[in-house]
PDB file of N, CA and C in Angstrom:
ATOM      1  N   MET A   1      -6.607 -36.383  15.862  1.00  0.00           N
ATOM      2  CA  MET A   1      -7.591 -36.306  16.916  1.00  0.00           C
ATOM      3  C   MET A   1      -8.986 -36.338  16.297  1.00  0.00           C
ATOM      4  N   ALA A   2      -9.917 -36.779  17.064  1.00  0.00           N
ATOM      5  CA  ALA A   2     -11.258 -36.947  16.530  1.00  0.00           C
ATOM      6  C   ALA A   2     -12.256 -36.103  17.306  1.00  0.00           C
ATOM      7  N   THR A   3     -13.429 -36.003  16.773  1.00  0.00           N
ATOM      8  CA  THR A   3     -14.508 -35.273  17.416  1.00  0.00           C
ATOM      9  C   THR A   3     -15.322 -36.237  18.273  1.00  0.00           C
ATOM     10  N   LEU A   4     -16.399 -35.723  18.817  1.00  0.00           N
ATOM     11  CA  LEU A   4     -17.292 -36.525  19.648  1.00  0.00           C
ATOM     12  C   LEU A   4     -17.807 -37.705  18.831  1.00  0.00           C
ATOM     13  N   ASN A   5     -17.606 -38.918  19.332  1.00  0.00           N
ATOM     14  CA  ASN A   5     -18.043 -40.089  18.570  1.00  0.00           C
ATOM     15  C   ASN A   5     -19.407 -40.569  19.063  1.00  0.00           C
ATOM     16  N   GLN A   6     -19.859 -41.695  18.560  1.00  0.00           N
ATOM     17  CA  GLN A   6     -21.205 -42.187  18.849  1.00  0.00           C
ATOM     18  C   GLN A   6     -21.419 -42.534  20.315  1.00  0.00           C
ATOM     19  N   THR A   7     -20.360 -42.872  21.051  1.00  0.00           N
ATOM     20  CA  THR A   7     -20.512 -43.233  22.456  1.00  0.00           C
ATOM     21  C   THR A   7     -20.394 -42.022  23.371  1.00  0.00           C
ATOM     22  N   GLY A   8     -20.190 -40.834  22.813  1.00  0.00           N
ATOM     23  CA  GLY A   8     -20.083 -39.625  23.617  1.00  0.00           C
ATOM     24  C   GLY A   8     -18.676 -39.345  24.097  1.00  0.00           C
ATOM     25  N   LEU A   9     -17.671 -40.021  23.547  1.00  0.00           N
ATOM     26  CA  LEU A   9     -16.287 -39.827  23.965  1.00  0.00           C
ATOM     27  C   LEU A   9     -15.565 -38.890  23.010  1.00  0.00           C
ATOM     28  N   GLN A  10     -14.580 -38.165  23.547  1.00  0.00           N
ATOM     29  CA  GLN A  10     -13.731 -37.314  22.732  1.00  0.00           C
ATOM     30  C   GLN A  10     -12.289 -37.732  22.940  1.00  0.00           C
ATOM     31  N   ASP A  11     -11.492 -37.686  21.882  1.00  0.00           N
ATOM     32  CA  ASP A  11     -10.066 -37.991  21.977  1.00  0.00           C
ATOM     33  C   ASP A  11      -9.316 -36.719  22.350  1.00  0.00           C
ATOM     34  N   HIS A  12      -8.479 -36.815  23.379  1.00  0.00           N
ATOM     35  CA  HIS A  12      -7.672 -35.698  23.841  1.00  0.00           C
ATOM     36  C   HIS A  12      -6.203 -36.100  23.821  1.00  0.00           C
ATOM     37  N   PRO A  13      -5.314 -35.189  23.413  1.00  0.00           N
ATOM     38  CA  PRO A  13      -3.881 -35.501  23.463  1.00  0.00           C
ATOM     39  C   PRO A  13      -3.393 -35.516  24.907  1.00  0.00           C
ATOM     40  N   ILE A  14      -2.519 -36.433  25.243  1.00  0.00           N
ATOM     41  CA  ILE A  14      -1.957 -36.532  26.590  1.00  0.00           C
ATOM     42  C   ILE A  14      -0.679 -35.705  26.626  1.00  0.00           C
ATOM     43  N   LEU A  15      -0.621 -34.718  27.537  1.00  0.00           N
ATOM     44  CA  LEU A  15       0.527 -33.825  27.640  1.00  0.00           C
ATOM     45  C   LEU A  15       1.487 -34.228  28.752  1.00  0.00           C
ATOM     46  N   GLN A  16       0.949 -34.737  29.867  1.00  0.00           N
ATOM     47  CA  GLN A  16       1.762 -35.151  31.010  1.00  0.00           C
ATOM     48  C   GLN A  16       1.206 -36.462  31.550  1.00  0.00           C
ATOM     49  N   PRO A  17       2.062 -37.291  32.192  1.00  0.00           N
ATOM     50  CA  PRO A  17       1.555 -38.537  32.779  1.00  0.00           C
ATOM     51  C   PRO A  17       0.538 -38.251  33.887  1.00  0.00           C
ATOM     52  N   PHE A  18      -0.508 -39.066  33.955  1.00  0.00           N
ATOM     53  CA  PHE A  18      -1.501 -38.935  35.028  1.00  0.00           C
ATOM     54  C   PHE A  18      -2.144 -40.290  35.274  1.00  0.00           C
ATOM     55  N   ARG A  19      -2.812 -40.382  36.406  1.00  0.00           N
ATOM     56  CA  ARG A  19      -3.487 -41.618  36.787  1.00  0.00           C
ATOM     57  C   ARG A  19      -4.988 -41.370  36.777  1.00  0.00           C
ATOM     58  N   LEU A  20      -5.721 -42.275  36.160  1.00  0.00           N
ATOM     59  CA  LEU A  20      -7.169 -42.168  36.078  1.00  0.00           C
ATOM     60  C   LEU A  20      -7.755 -43.557  36.276  1.00  0.00           C
ATOM     61  N   ASN A  21      -8.615 -43.696  37.271  1.00  0.00           N
ATOM     62  CA  ASN A  21      -9.271 -44.968  37.577  1.00  0.00           C
ATOM     63  C   ASN A  21      -8.265 -46.102  37.781  1.00  0.00           C
ATOM     64  N   GLY A  22      -7.172 -45.813  38.487  1.00  0.00           N
ATOM     65  CA  GLY A  22      -6.200 -46.832  38.831  1.00  0.00           C
ATOM     66  C   GLY A  22      -5.234 -47.208  37.717  1.00  0.00           C
ATOM     67  N   ARG A  23      -5.247 -46.476  36.628  1.00  0.00           N
ATOM     68  CA  ARG A  23      -4.343 -46.771  35.502  1.00  0.00           C
ATOM     69  C   ARG A  23      -3.551 -45.520  35.159  1.00  0.00           C
ATOM     70  N   TRP A  24      -2.271 -45.706  34.877  1.00  0.00           N
ATOM     71  CA  TRP A  24      -1.412 -44.602  34.486  1.00  0.00           C
ATOM     72  C   TRP A  24      -1.470 -44.420  32.974  1.00  0.00           C
ATOM     73  N   TYR A  25      -1.568 -43.167  32.533  1.00  0.00           N
ATOM     74  CA  TYR A  25      -1.535 -42.809  31.121  1.00  0.00           C
ATOM     75  C   TYR A  25      -0.330 -41.907  30.906  1.00  0.00           C
ATOM     76  N   SER A  26       0.443 -42.185  29.866  1.00  0.00           N
ATOM     77  CA  SER A  26       1.641 -41.395  29.596  1.00  0.00           C
ATOM     78  C   SER A  26       1.526 -40.749  28.216  1.00  0.00           C
ATOM     79  N   PRO A  27       2.339 -39.719  27.961  1.00  0.00           N
ATOM     80  CA  PRO A  27       2.307 -39.081  26.640  1.00  0.00           C
ATOM     81  C   PRO A  27       2.637 -40.051  25.497  1.00  0.00           C
ATOM     82  N   ALA A  28       3.289 -41.168  25.795  1.00  0.00           N
ATOM     83  CA  ALA A  28       3.579 -42.161  24.760  1.00  0.00           C
ATOM     84  C   ALA A  28       2.294 -42.784  24.206  1.00  0.00           C
ATOM     85  N   ASP A  29       1.203 -42.721  24.991  1.00  0.00           N
ATOM     86  CA  ASP A  29      -0.089 -43.247  24.537  1.00  0.00           C
ATOM     87  C   ASP A  29      -0.751 -42.335  23.506  1.00  0.00           C
ATOM     88  N   ASN A  30      -0.236 -41.121  23.354  1.00  0.00           N
ATOM     89  CA  ASN A  30      -0.714 -40.106  22.398  1.00  0.00           C
ATOM     90  C   ASN A  30      -2.070 -39.518  22.765  1.00  0.00           C
ATOM     91  N   THR A  31      -3.148 -40.296  22.752  1.00  0.00           N
ATOM     92  CA  THR A  31      -4.472 -39.751  23.033  1.00  0.00           C
ATOM     93  C   THR A  31      -5.230 -40.642  24.009  1.00  0.00           C
ATOM     94  N   ILE A  32      -6.269 -40.061  24.604  1.00  0.00           N
ATOM     95  CA  ILE A  32      -7.155 -40.795  25.495  1.00  0.00           C
ATOM     96  C   ILE A  32      -8.586 -40.372  25.175  1.00  0.00           C
ATOM     97  N   ALA A  33      -9.508 -41.329  25.145  1.00  0.00           N
ATOM     98  CA  ALA A  33     -10.910 -41.053  24.876  1.00  0.00           C
ATOM     99  C   ALA A  33     -11.628 -40.859  26.212  1.00  0.00           C
ATOM    100  N   LEU A  34     -12.223 -39.687  26.397  1.00  0.00           N
ATOM    101  CA  LEU A  34     -12.894 -39.344  27.649  1.00  0.00           C
ATOM    102  C   LEU A  34     -14.265 -38.737  27.377  1.00  0.00           C
ATOM    103  N   HIS A  35     -15.165 -38.899  28.357  1.00  0.00           N
ATOM    104  CA  HIS A  35     -16.436 -38.183  28.321  1.00  0.00           C
ATOM    105  C   HIS A  35     -16.153 -36.714  28.641  1.00  0.00           C
ATOM    106  N   PRO A  36     -16.938 -35.794  28.111  1.00  0.00           N
ATOM    107  CA  PRO A  36     -16.713 -34.376  28.391  1.00  0.00           C
ATOM    108  C   PRO A  36     -16.700 -34.039  29.880  1.00  0.00           C
ATOM    109  N   THR A  37     -17.442 -34.769  30.701  1.00  0.00           N
ATOM    110  CA  THR A  37     -17.469 -34.489  32.136  1.00  0.00           C
ATOM    111  C   THR A  37     -16.174 -34.894  32.831  1.00  0.00           C
ATOM    112  N   GLN A  38     -15.394 -35.790  32.233  1.00  0.00           N
ATOM    113  CA  GLN A  38     -14.134 -36.239  32.822  1.00  0.00           C
ATOM    114  C   GLN A  38     -12.968 -35.304  32.522  1.00  0.00           C
ATOM    115  N   THR A  39     -13.127 -34.414  31.585  1.00  0.00           N
ATOM    116  CA  THR A  39     -11.995 -33.642  31.092  1.00  0.00           C
ATOM    117  C   THR A  39     -11.680 -32.383  31.887  1.00  0.00           C
ATOM    118  N   THR A  40     -12.614 -31.860  32.656  1.00  0.00           N
ATOM    119  CA  THR A  40     -12.461 -30.552  33.292  1.00  0.00           C
ATOM    120  C   THR A  40     -11.184 -30.424  34.102  1.00  0.00           C
ATOM    121  N   PHE A  41     -10.986 -31.277  35.088  1.00  0.00           N
ATOM    122  CA  PHE A  41      -9.821 -31.139  35.966  1.00  0.00           C
ATOM    123  C   PHE A  41      -8.520 -31.508  35.254  1.00  0.00           C
ATOM    124  N   LEU A  42      -8.583 -32.458  34.343  1.00  0.00           N
ATOM    125  CA  LEU A  42      -7.375 -32.821  33.598  1.00  0.00           C
ATOM    126  C   LEU A  42      -6.927 -31.681  32.683  1.00  0.00           C
ATOM    127  N   LEU A  43      -7.881 -30.958  32.107  1.00  0.00           N
ATOM    128  CA  LEU A  43      -7.544 -29.784  31.298  1.00  0.00           C
ATOM    129  C   LEU A  43      -6.963 -28.674  32.167  1.00  0.00           C
ATOM    130  N   MET A  44      -7.588 -28.418  33.320  1.00  0.00           N
ATOM    131  CA  MET A  44      -7.119 -27.350  34.215  1.00  0.00           C
ATOM    132  C   MET A  44      -5.725 -27.638  34.753  1.00  0.00           C
ATOM    133  N   ASN A  45      -5.398 -28.901  34.994  1.00  0.00           N
ATOM    134  CA  ASN A  45      -4.091 -29.277  35.525  1.00  0.00           C
ATOM    135  C   ASN A  45      -3.036 -29.424  34.432  1.00  0.00           C
ATOM    136  N   GLY A  46      -3.413 -29.271  33.177  1.00  0.00           N
ATOM    137  CA  GLY A  46      -2.464 -29.368  32.081  1.00  0.00           C
ATOM    138  C   GLY A  46      -2.050 -30.781  31.740  1.00  0.00           C
ATOM    139  N   LYS A  47      -2.820 -31.759  32.152  1.00  0.00           N
ATOM    140  CA  LYS A  47      -2.479 -33.158  31.862  1.00  0.00           C
ATOM    141  C   LYS A  47      -2.869 -33.561  30.439  1.00  0.00           C
ATOM    142  N   ILE A  48      -3.977 -32.996  29.947  1.00  0.00           N
ATOM    143  CA  ILE A  48      -4.424 -33.289  28.586  1.00  0.00           C
ATOM    144  C   ILE A  48      -4.649 -31.970  27.852  1.00  0.00           C
ATOM    145  N   GLY A  49      -4.680 -32.050  26.530  1.00  0.00           N
ATOM    146  CA  GLY A  49      -4.970 -30.893  25.703  1.00  0.00           C
ATOM    147  C   GLY A  49      -6.414 -30.936  25.242  1.00  0.00           C
ATOM    148  N   LYS A  50      -6.862 -29.830  24.674  1.00  0.00           N
ATOM    149  CA  LYS A  50      -8.227 -29.777  24.156  1.00  0.00           C
ATOM    150  C   LYS A  50      -8.345 -30.650  22.922  1.00  0.00           C
ATOM    151  N   SER A  51      -9.519 -31.245  22.759  1.00  0.00           N
ATOM    152  CA  SER A  51      -9.739 -32.073  21.574  1.00  0.00           C
ATOM    153  C   SER A  51      -9.984 -31.166  20.379  1.00  0.00           C
ATOM    154  N   ALA A  52      -9.615 -31.638  19.217  1.00  0.00           N
ATOM    155  CA  ALA A  52      -9.842 -30.884  17.993  1.00  0.00           C
ATOM    156  C   ALA A  52     -11.257 -31.153  17.516  1.00  0.00           C
ATOM    157  N   GLN A  53     -12.041 -30.125  17.385  1.00  0.00           N
ATOM    158  CA  GLN A  53     -13.392 -30.265  16.864  1.00  0.00           C
ATOM    159  C   GLN A  53     -13.330 -30.043  15.365  1.00  0.00           C
ATOM    160  N   LEU A  54     -13.364 -31.127  14.629  1.00  0.00           N
ATOM    161  CA  LEU A  54     -13.307 -31.034  13.182  1.00  0.00           C
ATOM    162  C   LEU A  54     -14.692 -30.724  12.647  1.00  0.00           C
ATOM    163  N   PRO A  55     -14.819 -29.720  11.782  1.00  0.00           N
ATOM    164  CA  PRO A  55     -16.146 -29.391  11.250  1.00  0.00           C
ATOM    165  C   PRO A  55     -16.660 -30.488  10.340  1.00  0.00           C
ATOM    166  N   ALA A  56     -17.957 -30.662  10.352  1.00  0.00           N
ATOM    167  CA  ALA A  56     -18.581 -31.663   9.486  1.00  0.00           C
ATOM    168  C   ALA A  56     -18.464 -31.199   8.044  1.00  0.00           C
ATOM    169  N   PRO A  57     -18.201 -32.111   7.127  1.00  0.00           N
ATOM    170  CA  PRO A  57     -18.101 -31.708   5.716  1.00  0.00           C
ATOM    171  C   PRO A  57     -19.428 -31.151   5.230  1.00  0.00           C
ATOM    172  N   GLN A  58     -19.354 -30.022   4.530  1.00  0.00           N
ATOM    173  CA  GLN A  58     -20.562 -29.381   4.024  1.00  0.00           C
ATOM    174  C   GLN A  58     -20.517 -29.365   2.513  1.00  0.00           C
ATOM    175  N   LYS A  59     -21.683 -29.515   1.913  1.00  0.00           N
ATOM    176  CA  LYS A  59     -21.778 -29.454   0.460  1.00  0.00           C
ATOM    177  C   LYS A  59     -21.845 -27.990   0.038  1.00  0.00           C
ATOM    178  N   ALA A  60     -21.135 -27.679  -1.013  1.00  0.00           N
ATOM    179  CA  ALA A  60     -21.193 -26.327  -1.552  1.00  0.00           C
ATOM    180  C   ALA A  60     -22.504 -26.165  -2.305  1.00  0.00           C
ATOM    181  N   LYS A  61     -23.040 -24.952  -2.273  1.00  0.00           N
ATOM    182  CA  LYS A  61     -24.314 -24.691  -2.969  1.00  0.00           C
ATOM    183  C   LYS A  61     -24.106 -24.858  -4.467  1.00  0.00           C
ATOM    184  N   GLY A  62     -25.065 -25.474  -5.091  1.00  0.00           N
ATOM    185  CA  GLY A  62     -25.022 -25.637  -6.528  1.00  0.00           C
ATOM    186  C   GLY A  62     -24.325 -26.904  -6.994  1.00  0.00           C
ATOM    187  N   GLN A  63     -23.722 -27.660  -6.096  1.00  0.00           N
ATOM    188  CA  GLN A  63     -23.059 -28.897  -6.494  1.00  0.00           C
ATOM    189  C   GLN A  63     -24.036 -30.059  -6.410  1.00  0.00           C
ATOM    190  N   GLN A  64     -23.944 -30.927  -7.381  1.00  0.00           N
ATOM    191  CA  GLN A  64     -24.785 -32.122  -7.368  1.00  0.00           C
ATOM    192  C   GLN A  64     -23.911 -33.334  -7.124  1.00  0.00           C
ATOM    193  N   GLN A  65     -24.433 -34.278  -6.388  1.00  0.00           N
ATOM    194  CA  GLN A  65     -23.687 -35.513  -6.134  1.00  0.00           C
ATOM    195  C   GLN A  65     -24.574 -36.707  -6.329  1.00  0.00           C
TER     196      GLN A  65
END
């Protein structure tokens, strides 16, 4: 799973089949990229899971690159 990308979309795992904008999405699709405003009701209904927010890599103090 990925974090918020440049277009403002987040990848969410699909837990149950659902229909969005006239298209059916099934768990076989694995993930779906959605805007944060689209996720509220799908999360509440258990159709999708929360996206994994991966922390940005940080440099350790004292290391040179």
